[in-house]
Amino acid sequence: QEDARAYQAEIQQVVDRAFAPFPREACPLE
């Protein structure tokens, strides 16, 4: 289970790098 959690953390970092930086506040939809 620890191996699986470590793998999940690795994948989450990849996703974060691909889509970040996330805005701190929502922008107006306009």
PDB file of all heavy atoms in Angstrom:
ATOM      1  N   GLN A   1       0.829  -1.198   0.000  1.00  0.00           N
ATOM      2  CA  GLN A   1       0.000   0.000   0.000  1.00  0.00           C
ATOM      3  C   GLN A   1       0.867   1.253   0.000  1.00  0.00           C
ATOM      4  O   GLN A   1       0.547   2.237  -0.668  1.00  0.00           O
ATOM      5  CB  GLN A   1      -0.925  -0.019   1.219  1.00  0.00           C
ATOM      6  CG  GLN A   1      -1.973   1.061   1.196  1.00  0.00           C
ATOM      7  CD  GLN A   1      -2.965   0.932   2.341  1.00  0.00           C
ATOM      8  OE1 GLN A   1      -2.650   0.349   3.376  1.00  0.00           O
ATOM      9  NE2 GLN A   1      -4.147   1.480   2.151  1.00  0.00           N
ATOM     10  N   GLU A   2       1.973   1.211   0.692  1.00  0.00           N
ATOM     11  CA  GLU A   2       2.888   2.355   0.719  1.00  0.00           C
ATOM     12  C   GLU A   2       3.476   2.607  -0.673  1.00  0.00           C
ATOM     13  O   GLU A   2       3.629   3.750  -1.090  1.00  0.00           O
ATOM     14  CB  GLU A   2       4.015   2.144   1.735  1.00  0.00           C
ATOM     15  CG  GLU A   2       3.555   2.172   3.181  1.00  0.00           C
ATOM     16  CD  GLU A   2       2.868   0.872   3.616  1.00  0.00           C
ATOM     17  OE1 GLU A   2       3.127  -0.199   3.015  1.00  0.00           O
ATOM     18  OE2 GLU A   2       2.049   0.938   4.547  1.00  0.00           O
ATOM     19  N   ASP A   3       3.825   1.520  -1.378  1.00  0.00           N
ATOM     20  CA  ASP A   3       4.312   1.666  -2.755  1.00  0.00           C
ATOM     21  C   ASP A   3       3.253   2.338  -3.633  1.00  0.00           C
ATOM     22  O   ASP A   3       3.565   3.218  -4.444  1.00  0.00           O
ATOM     23  CB  ASP A   3       4.651   0.302  -3.366  1.00  0.00           C
ATOM     24  CG  ASP A   3       5.822  -0.386  -2.704  1.00  0.00           C
ATOM     25  OD1 ASP A   3       6.598   0.285  -1.991  1.00  0.00           O
ATOM     26  OD2 ASP A   3       5.953  -1.620  -2.895  1.00  0.00           O
ATOM     27  N   ALA A   4       2.008   1.919  -3.466  1.00  0.00           N
ATOM     28  CA  ALA A   4       0.918   2.473  -4.270  1.00  0.00           C
ATOM     29  C   ALA A   4       0.726   3.953  -3.960  1.00  0.00           C
ATOM     30  O   ALA A   4       0.540   4.771  -4.865  1.00  0.00           O
ATOM     31  CB  ALA A   4      -0.372   1.702  -4.019  1.00  0.00           C
ATOM     32  N   ARG A   5       0.798   4.309  -2.684  1.00  0.00           N
ATOM     33  CA  ARG A   5       0.641   5.716  -2.314  1.00  0.00           C
ATOM     34  C   ARG A   5       1.795   6.566  -2.855  1.00  0.00           C
ATOM     35  O   ARG A   5       1.603   7.699  -3.279  1.00  0.00           O
ATOM     36  CB  ARG A   5       0.518   5.846  -0.811  1.00  0.00           C
ATOM     37  CG  ARG A   5      -0.822   5.326  -0.323  1.00  0.00           C
ATOM     38  CD  ARG A   5      -1.227   5.939   1.000  1.00  0.00           C
ATOM     39  NE  ARG A   5      -2.587   5.541   1.300  1.00  0.00           N
ATOM     40  CZ  ARG A   5      -2.953   4.852   2.362  1.00  0.00           C
ATOM     41  NH1 ARG A   5      -2.052   4.504   3.249  1.00  0.00           N
ATOM     42  NH2 ARG A   5      -4.216   4.530   2.549  1.00  0.00           N
ATOM     43  N   ALA A   6       2.996   6.020  -2.831  1.00  0.00           N
ATOM     44  CA  ALA A   6       4.139   6.745  -3.379  1.00  0.00           C
ATOM     45  C   ALA A   6       3.962   6.954  -4.884  1.00  0.00           C
ATOM     46  O   ALA A   6       4.247   8.042  -5.413  1.00  0.00           O
ATOM     47  CB  ALA A   6       5.434   5.993  -3.095  1.00  0.00           C
ATOM     48  N   TYR A   7       3.477   5.938  -5.577  1.00  0.00           N
ATOM     49  CA  TYR A   7       3.220   6.053  -7.014  1.00  0.00           C
ATOM     50  C   TYR A   7       2.139   7.101  -7.279  1.00  0.00           C
ATOM     51  O   TYR A   7       2.277   7.924  -8.193  1.00  0.00           O
ATOM     52  CB  TYR A   7       2.811   4.690  -7.585  1.00  0.00           C
ATOM     53  CG  TYR A   7       2.532   4.721  -9.058  1.00  0.00           C
ATOM     54  CD1 TYR A   7       3.553   4.929  -9.976  1.00  0.00           C
ATOM     55  CD2 TYR A   7       1.242   4.540  -9.546  1.00  0.00           C
ATOM     56  CE1 TYR A   7       3.303   4.966 -11.329  1.00  0.00           C
ATOM     57  CE2 TYR A   7       0.974   4.561 -10.901  1.00  0.00           C
ATOM     58  CZ  TYR A   7       2.016   4.783 -11.790  1.00  0.00           C
ATOM     59  OH  TYR A   7       1.751   4.819 -13.138  1.00  0.00           O
ATOM     60  N   GLN A   8       1.075   7.101  -6.475  1.00  0.00           N
ATOM     61  CA  GLN A   8       0.026   8.107  -6.621  1.00  0.00           C
ATOM     62  C   GLN A   8       0.613   9.510  -6.463  1.00  0.00           C
ATOM     63  O   GLN A   8       0.257  10.425  -7.216  1.00  0.00           O
ATOM     64  CB  GLN A   8      -1.079   7.895  -5.586  1.00  0.00           C
ATOM     65  CG  GLN A   8      -1.994   6.745  -5.892  1.00  0.00           C
ATOM     66  CD  GLN A   8      -3.022   6.542  -4.794  1.00  0.00           C
ATOM     67  OE1 GLN A   8      -2.744   6.781  -3.612  1.00  0.00           O
ATOM     68  NE2 GLN A   8      -4.206   6.097  -5.178  1.00  0.00           N
ATOM     69  N   ALA A   9       1.485   9.688  -5.495  1.00  0.00           N
ATOM     70  CA  ALA A   9       2.103  10.996  -5.270  1.00  0.00           C
ATOM     71  C   ALA A   9       2.941  11.415  -6.481  1.00  0.00           C
ATOM     72  O   ALA A   9       2.930  12.584  -6.886  1.00  0.00           O
ATOM     73  CB  ALA A   9       2.946  10.976  -4.004  1.00  0.00           C
ATOM     74  N   GLU A  10       3.677  10.466  -7.065  1.00  0.00           N
ATOM     75  CA  GLU A  10       4.469  10.761  -8.267  1.00  0.00           C
ATOM     76  C   GLU A  10       3.568  11.219  -9.408  1.00  0.00           C
ATOM     77  O   GLU A  10       3.863  12.213 -10.089  1.00  0.00           O
ATOM     78  CB  GLU A  10       5.237   9.525  -8.720  1.00  0.00           C
ATOM     79  CG  GLU A  10       6.377   9.115  -7.827  1.00  0.00           C
ATOM     80  CD  GLU A  10       6.974   7.786  -8.269  1.00  0.00           C
ATOM     81  OE1 GLU A  10       6.874   7.440  -9.464  1.00  0.00           O
ATOM     82  OE2 GLU A  10       7.529   7.085  -7.414  1.00  0.00           O
ATOM     83  N   ILE A  11       2.488  10.496  -9.622  1.00  0.00           N
ATOM     84  CA  ILE A  11       1.566  10.835 -10.710  1.00  0.00           C
ATOM     85  C   ILE A  11       0.918  12.188 -10.453  1.00  0.00           C
ATOM     86  O   ILE A  11       0.761  13.003 -11.364  1.00  0.00           O
ATOM     87  CB  ILE A  11       0.508   9.728 -10.888  1.00  0.00           C
ATOM     88  CG1 ILE A  11       1.170   8.412 -11.307  1.00  0.00           C
ATOM     89  CG2 ILE A  11      -0.556  10.148 -11.901  1.00  0.00           C
ATOM     90  CD1 ILE A  11       1.983   8.491 -12.580  1.00  0.00           C
ATOM     91  N   GLN A  12       0.557  12.457  -9.198  1.00  0.00           N
ATOM     92  CA  GLN A  12      -0.046  13.750  -8.868  1.00  0.00           C
ATOM     93  C   GLN A  12       0.911  14.891  -9.168  1.00  0.00           C
ATOM     94  O   GLN A  12       0.512  15.943  -9.671  1.00  0.00           O
ATOM     95  CB  GLN A  12      -0.476  13.783  -7.399  1.00  0.00           C
ATOM     96  CG  GLN A  12      -1.254  15.026  -7.038  1.00  0.00           C
ATOM     97  CD  GLN A  12      -2.558  15.148  -7.813  1.00  0.00           C
ATOM     98  OE1 GLN A  12      -3.364  14.237  -7.779  1.00  0.00           O
ATOM     99  NE2 GLN A  12      -2.745  16.251  -8.509  1.00  0.00           N
ATOM    100  N   GLN A  13       2.203  14.698  -8.899  1.00  0.00           N
ATOM    101  CA  GLN A  13       3.193  15.729  -9.212  1.00  0.00           C
ATOM    102  C   GLN A  13       3.284  15.970 -10.715  1.00  0.00           C
ATOM    103  O   GLN A  13       3.398  17.108 -11.169  1.00  0.00           O
ATOM    104  CB  GLN A  13       4.560  15.342  -8.658  1.00  0.00           C
ATOM    105  CG  GLN A  13       4.667  15.468  -7.165  1.00  0.00           C
ATOM    106  CD  GLN A  13       6.029  15.018  -6.651  1.00  0.00           C
ATOM    107  OE1 GLN A  13       6.839  14.462  -7.381  1.00  0.00           O
ATOM    108  NE2 GLN A  13       6.279  15.263  -5.372  1.00  0.00           N
ATOM    109  N   VAL A  14       3.209  14.896 -11.499  1.00  0.00           N
ATOM    110  CA  VAL A  14       3.243  15.032 -12.961  1.00  0.00           C
ATOM    111  C   VAL A  14       2.031  15.823 -13.443  1.00  0.00           C
ATOM    112  O   VAL A  14       2.145  16.731 -14.272  1.00  0.00           O
ATOM    113  CB  VAL A  14       3.306  13.644 -13.633  1.00  0.00           C
ATOM    114  CG1 VAL A  14       3.096  13.749 -15.138  1.00  0.00           C
ATOM    115  CG2 VAL A  14       4.633  12.962 -13.325  1.00  0.00           C
ATOM    116  N   VAL A  15       0.857  15.493 -12.914  1.00  0.00           N
ATOM    117  CA  VAL A  15      -0.365  16.199 -13.295  1.00  0.00           C
ATOM    118  C   VAL A  15      -0.277  17.666 -12.888  1.00  0.00           C
ATOM    119  O   VAL A  15      -0.620  18.562 -13.662  1.00  0.00           O
ATOM    120  CB  VAL A  15      -1.604  15.516 -12.681  1.00  0.00           C
ATOM    121  CG1 VAL A  15      -2.850  16.362 -12.868  1.00  0.00           C
ATOM    122  CG2 VAL A  15      -1.798  14.125 -13.274  1.00  0.00           C
ATOM    123  N   ASP A  16       0.198  17.925 -11.674  1.00  0.00           N
ATOM    124  CA  ASP A  16       0.344  19.306 -11.205  1.00  0.00           C
ATOM    125  C   ASP A  16       1.276  20.108 -12.101  1.00  0.00           C
ATOM    126  O   ASP A  16       1.000  21.258 -12.434  1.00  0.00           O
ATOM    127  CB  ASP A  16       0.843  19.338  -9.763  1.00  0.00           C
ATOM    128  CG  ASP A  16      -0.196  18.892  -8.757  1.00  0.00           C
ATOM    129  OD1 ASP A  16      -1.392  18.792  -9.129  1.00  0.00           O
ATOM    130  OD2 ASP A  16       0.178  18.633  -7.596  1.00  0.00           O
ATOM    131  N   ARG A  17       2.393  19.505 -12.516  1.00  0.00           N
ATOM    132  CA  ARG A  17       3.331  20.205 -13.402  1.00  0.00           C
ATOM    133  C   ARG A  17       2.690  20.469 -14.764  1.00  0.00           C
ATOM    134  O   ARG A  17       2.940  21.498 -15.384  1.00  0.00           O
ATOM    135  CB  ARG A  17       4.623  19.417 -13.571  1.00  0.00           C
ATOM    136  CG  ARG A  17       5.581  19.570 -12.431  1.00  0.00           C
ATOM    137  CD  ARG A  17       6.976  19.071 -12.780  1.00  0.00           C
ATOM    138  NE  ARG A  17       7.020  17.747 -13.375  1.00  0.00           N
ATOM    139  CZ  ARG A  17       7.154  16.606 -12.696  1.00  0.00           C
ATOM    140  NH1 ARG A  17       7.255  16.623 -11.386  1.00  0.00           N
ATOM    141  NH2 ARG A  17       7.197  15.454 -13.327  1.00  0.00           N
ATOM    142  N   ALA A  18       1.871  19.535 -15.229  1.00  0.00           N
ATOM    143  CA  ALA A  18       1.262  19.690 -16.545  1.00  0.00           C
ATOM    144  C   ALA A  18       0.211  20.789 -16.569  1.00  0.00           C
ATOM    145  O   ALA A  18       0.062  21.492 -17.572  1.00  0.00           O
ATOM    146  CB  ALA A  18       0.638  18.363 -16.989  1.00  0.00           C
ATOM    147  N   PHE A  19      -0.530  20.964 -15.478  1.00  0.00           N
ATOM    148  CA  PHE A  19      -1.656  21.888 -15.479  1.00  0.00           C
ATOM    149  C   PHE A  19      -1.465  23.105 -14.588  1.00  0.00           C
ATOM    150  O   PHE A  19      -2.291  24.005 -14.601  1.00  0.00           O
ATOM    151  CB  PHE A  19      -2.941  21.164 -15.076  1.00  0.00           C
ATOM    152  CG  PHE A  19      -3.355  20.139 -16.082  1.00  0.00           C
ATOM    153  CD1 PHE A  19      -3.100  18.799 -15.869  1.00  0.00           C
ATOM    154  CD2 PHE A  19      -3.975  20.526 -17.261  1.00  0.00           C
ATOM    155  CE1 PHE A  19      -3.479  17.854 -16.805  1.00  0.00           C
ATOM    156  CE2 PHE A  19      -4.353  19.592 -18.198  1.00  0.00           C
ATOM    157  CZ  PHE A  19      -4.104  18.253 -17.972  1.00  0.00           C
ATOM    158  N   ALA A  20      -0.431  23.136 -13.804  1.00  0.00           N
ATOM    159  CA  ALA A  20      -0.209  24.242 -12.878  1.00  0.00           C
ATOM    160  C   ALA A  20       0.423  25.407 -13.626  1.00  0.00           C
ATOM    161  O   ALA A  20       0.903  25.244 -14.741  1.00  0.00           O
ATOM    162  CB  ALA A  20       0.679  23.779 -11.737  1.00  0.00           C
ATOM    163  N   PRO A  21       0.478  26.567 -13.084  1.00  0.00           N
ATOM    164  CA  PRO A  21      -0.005  26.872 -11.745  1.00  0.00           C
ATOM    165  C   PRO A  21      -1.517  27.087 -11.749  1.00  0.00           C
ATOM    166  O   PRO A  21      -2.057  27.688 -12.667  1.00  0.00           O
ATOM    167  CB  PRO A  21       0.713  28.176 -11.382  1.00  0.00           C
ATOM    168  CG  PRO A  21       0.926  28.841 -12.709  1.00  0.00           C
ATOM    169  CD  PRO A  21       1.124  27.722 -13.706  1.00  0.00           C
ATOM    170  N   PHE A  22      -2.168  26.554 -10.737  1.00  0.00           N
ATOM    171  CA  PHE A  22      -3.586  26.779 -10.594  1.00  0.00           C
ATOM    172  C   PHE A  22      -3.802  28.179 -10.051  1.00  0.00           C
ATOM    173  O   PHE A  22      -3.087  28.626  -9.160  1.00  0.00           O
ATOM    174  CB  PHE A  22      -4.210  25.744  -9.647  1.00  0.00           C
ATOM    175  CG  PHE A  22      -4.267  24.365 -10.243  1.00  0.00           C
ATOM    176  CD1 PHE A  22      -3.381  23.391  -9.841  1.00  0.00           C
ATOM    177  CD2 PHE A  22      -5.205  24.063 -11.209  1.00  0.00           C
ATOM    178  CE1 PHE A  22      -3.423  22.124 -10.388  1.00  0.00           C
ATOM    179  CE2 PHE A  22      -5.256  22.799 -11.766  1.00  0.00           C
ATOM    180  CZ  PHE A  22      -4.365  21.826 -11.358  1.00  0.00           C
ATOM    181  N   PRO A  23      -4.784  28.883 -10.579  1.00  0.00           N
ATOM    182  CA  PRO A  23      -5.031  30.232 -10.064  1.00  0.00           C
ATOM    183  C   PRO A  23      -5.497  30.187  -8.619  1.00  0.00           C
ATOM    184  O   PRO A  23      -6.202  29.266  -8.213  1.00  0.00           O
ATOM    185  CB  PRO A  23      -6.132  30.766 -10.982  1.00  0.00           C
ATOM    186  CG  PRO A  23      -6.699  29.594 -11.676  1.00  0.00           C
ATOM    187  CD  PRO A  23      -5.690  28.499 -11.634  1.00  0.00           C
ATOM    188  N   ARG A  24      -5.092  31.168  -7.847  1.00  0.00           N
ATOM    189  CA  ARG A  24      -5.494  31.231  -6.438  1.00  0.00           C
ATOM    190  C   ARG A  24      -6.955  31.629  -6.300  1.00  0.00           C
ATOM    191  O   ARG A  24      -7.625  31.236  -5.370  1.00  0.00           O
ATOM    192  CB  ARG A  24      -4.607  32.200  -5.683  1.00  0.00           C
ATOM    193  CG  ARG A  24      -3.169  31.755  -5.611  1.00  0.00           C
ATOM    194  CD  ARG A  24      -2.397  32.617  -4.626  1.00  0.00           C
ATOM    195  NE  ARG A  24      -0.995  32.307  -4.639  1.00  0.00           N
ATOM    196  CZ  ARG A  24      -0.439  31.277  -4.006  1.00  0.00           C
ATOM    197  NH1 ARG A  24      -1.192  30.454  -3.344  1.00  0.00           N
ATOM    198  NH2 ARG A  24       0.856  31.073  -4.065  1.00  0.00           N
ATOM    199  N   GLU A  25      -7.439  32.437  -7.223  1.00  0.00           N
ATOM    200  CA  GLU A  25      -8.824  32.883  -7.173  1.00  0.00           C
ATOM    201  C   GLU A  25      -9.480  32.618  -8.520  1.00  0.00           C
ATOM    202  O   GLU A  25      -8.825  32.646  -9.560  1.00  0.00           O
ATOM    203  CB  GLU A  25      -8.879  34.380  -6.873  1.00  0.00           C
ATOM    204  CG  GLU A  25      -8.332  34.754  -5.516  1.00  0.00           C
ATOM    205  CD  GLU A  25      -8.379  36.253  -5.279  1.00  0.00           C
ATOM    206  OE1 GLU A  25      -9.037  36.967  -6.065  1.00  0.00           O
ATOM    207  OE2 GLU A  25      -7.743  36.697  -4.317  1.00  0.00           O
ATOM    208  N   ALA A  26     -10.787  32.385  -8.475  1.00  0.00           N
ATOM    209  CA  ALA A  26     -11.532  32.176  -9.710  1.00  0.00           C
ATOM    210  C   ALA A  26     -11.556  33.474 -10.513  1.00  0.00           C
ATOM    211  O   ALA A  26     -11.681  34.556  -9.959  1.00  0.00           O
ATOM    212  CB  ALA A  26     -12.946  31.719  -9.402  1.00  0.00           C
ATOM    213  N   CYS A  27     -11.430  33.351 -11.806  1.00  0.00           N
ATOM    214  CA  CYS A  27     -11.521  34.534 -12.654  1.00  0.00           C
ATOM    215  C   CYS A  27     -12.969  34.680 -13.133  1.00  0.00           C
ATOM    216  O   CYS A  27     -13.726  33.709 -13.134  1.00  0.00           O
ATOM    217  CB  CYS A  27     -10.561  34.421 -13.840  1.00  0.00           C
ATOM    218  SG  CYS A  27     -11.010  33.143 -15.014  1.00  0.00           S
ATOM    219  N   PRO A  28     -13.362  35.872 -13.544  1.00  0.00           N
ATOM    220  CA  PRO A  28     -14.713  36.034 -14.073  1.00  0.00           C
ATOM    221  C   PRO A  28     -14.872  35.239 -15.368  1.00  0.00           C
ATOM    222  O   PRO A  28     -13.950  35.175 -16.180  1.00  0.00           O
ATOM    223  CB  PRO A  28     -14.826  37.536 -14.326  1.00  0.00           C
ATOM    224  CG  PRO A  28     -13.435  38.042 -14.380  1.00  0.00           C
ATOM    225  CD  PRO A  28     -12.601  37.103 -13.552  1.00  0.00           C
ATOM    226  N   LEU A  29     -16.022  34.604 -15.534  1.00  0.00           N
ATOM    227  CA  LEU A  29     -16.242  33.774 -16.723  1.00  0.00           C
ATOM    228  C   LEU A  29     -16.286  34.584 -18.009  1.00  0.00           C
ATOM    229  O   LEU A  29     -15.838  34.124 -19.046  1.00  0.00           O
ATOM    230  CB  LEU A  29     -17.545  32.985 -16.585  1.00  0.00           C
ATOM    231  CG  LEU A  29     -17.508  31.803 -15.637  1.00  0.00           C
ATOM    232  CD1 LEU A  29     -18.886  31.159 -15.559  1.00  0.00           C
ATOM    233  CD2 LEU A  29     -16.472  30.790 -16.056  1.00  0.00           C
ATOM    234  N   GLU A  30     -16.865  35.777 -17.952  1.00  0.00           N
ATOM    235  CA  GLU A  30     -17.005  36.618 -19.139  1.00  0.00           C
ATOM    236  C   GLU A  30     -17.589  35.833 -20.310  1.00  0.00           C
ATOM    237  O   GLU A  30     -17.106  35.887 -21.445  1.00  0.00           O
ATOM    238  CB  GLU A  30     -15.677  37.262 -19.524  1.00  0.00           C
ATOM    239  CG  GLU A  30     -15.140  38.210 -18.471  1.00  0.00           C
ATOM    240  CD  GLU A  30     -13.918  38.969 -18.928  1.00  0.00           C
ATOM    241  OE1 GLU A  30     -13.778  39.219 -20.133  1.00  0.00           O
ATOM    242  OE2 GLU A  30     -13.099  39.308 -18.060  1.00  0.00           O
TER     243      GLU A  30
END
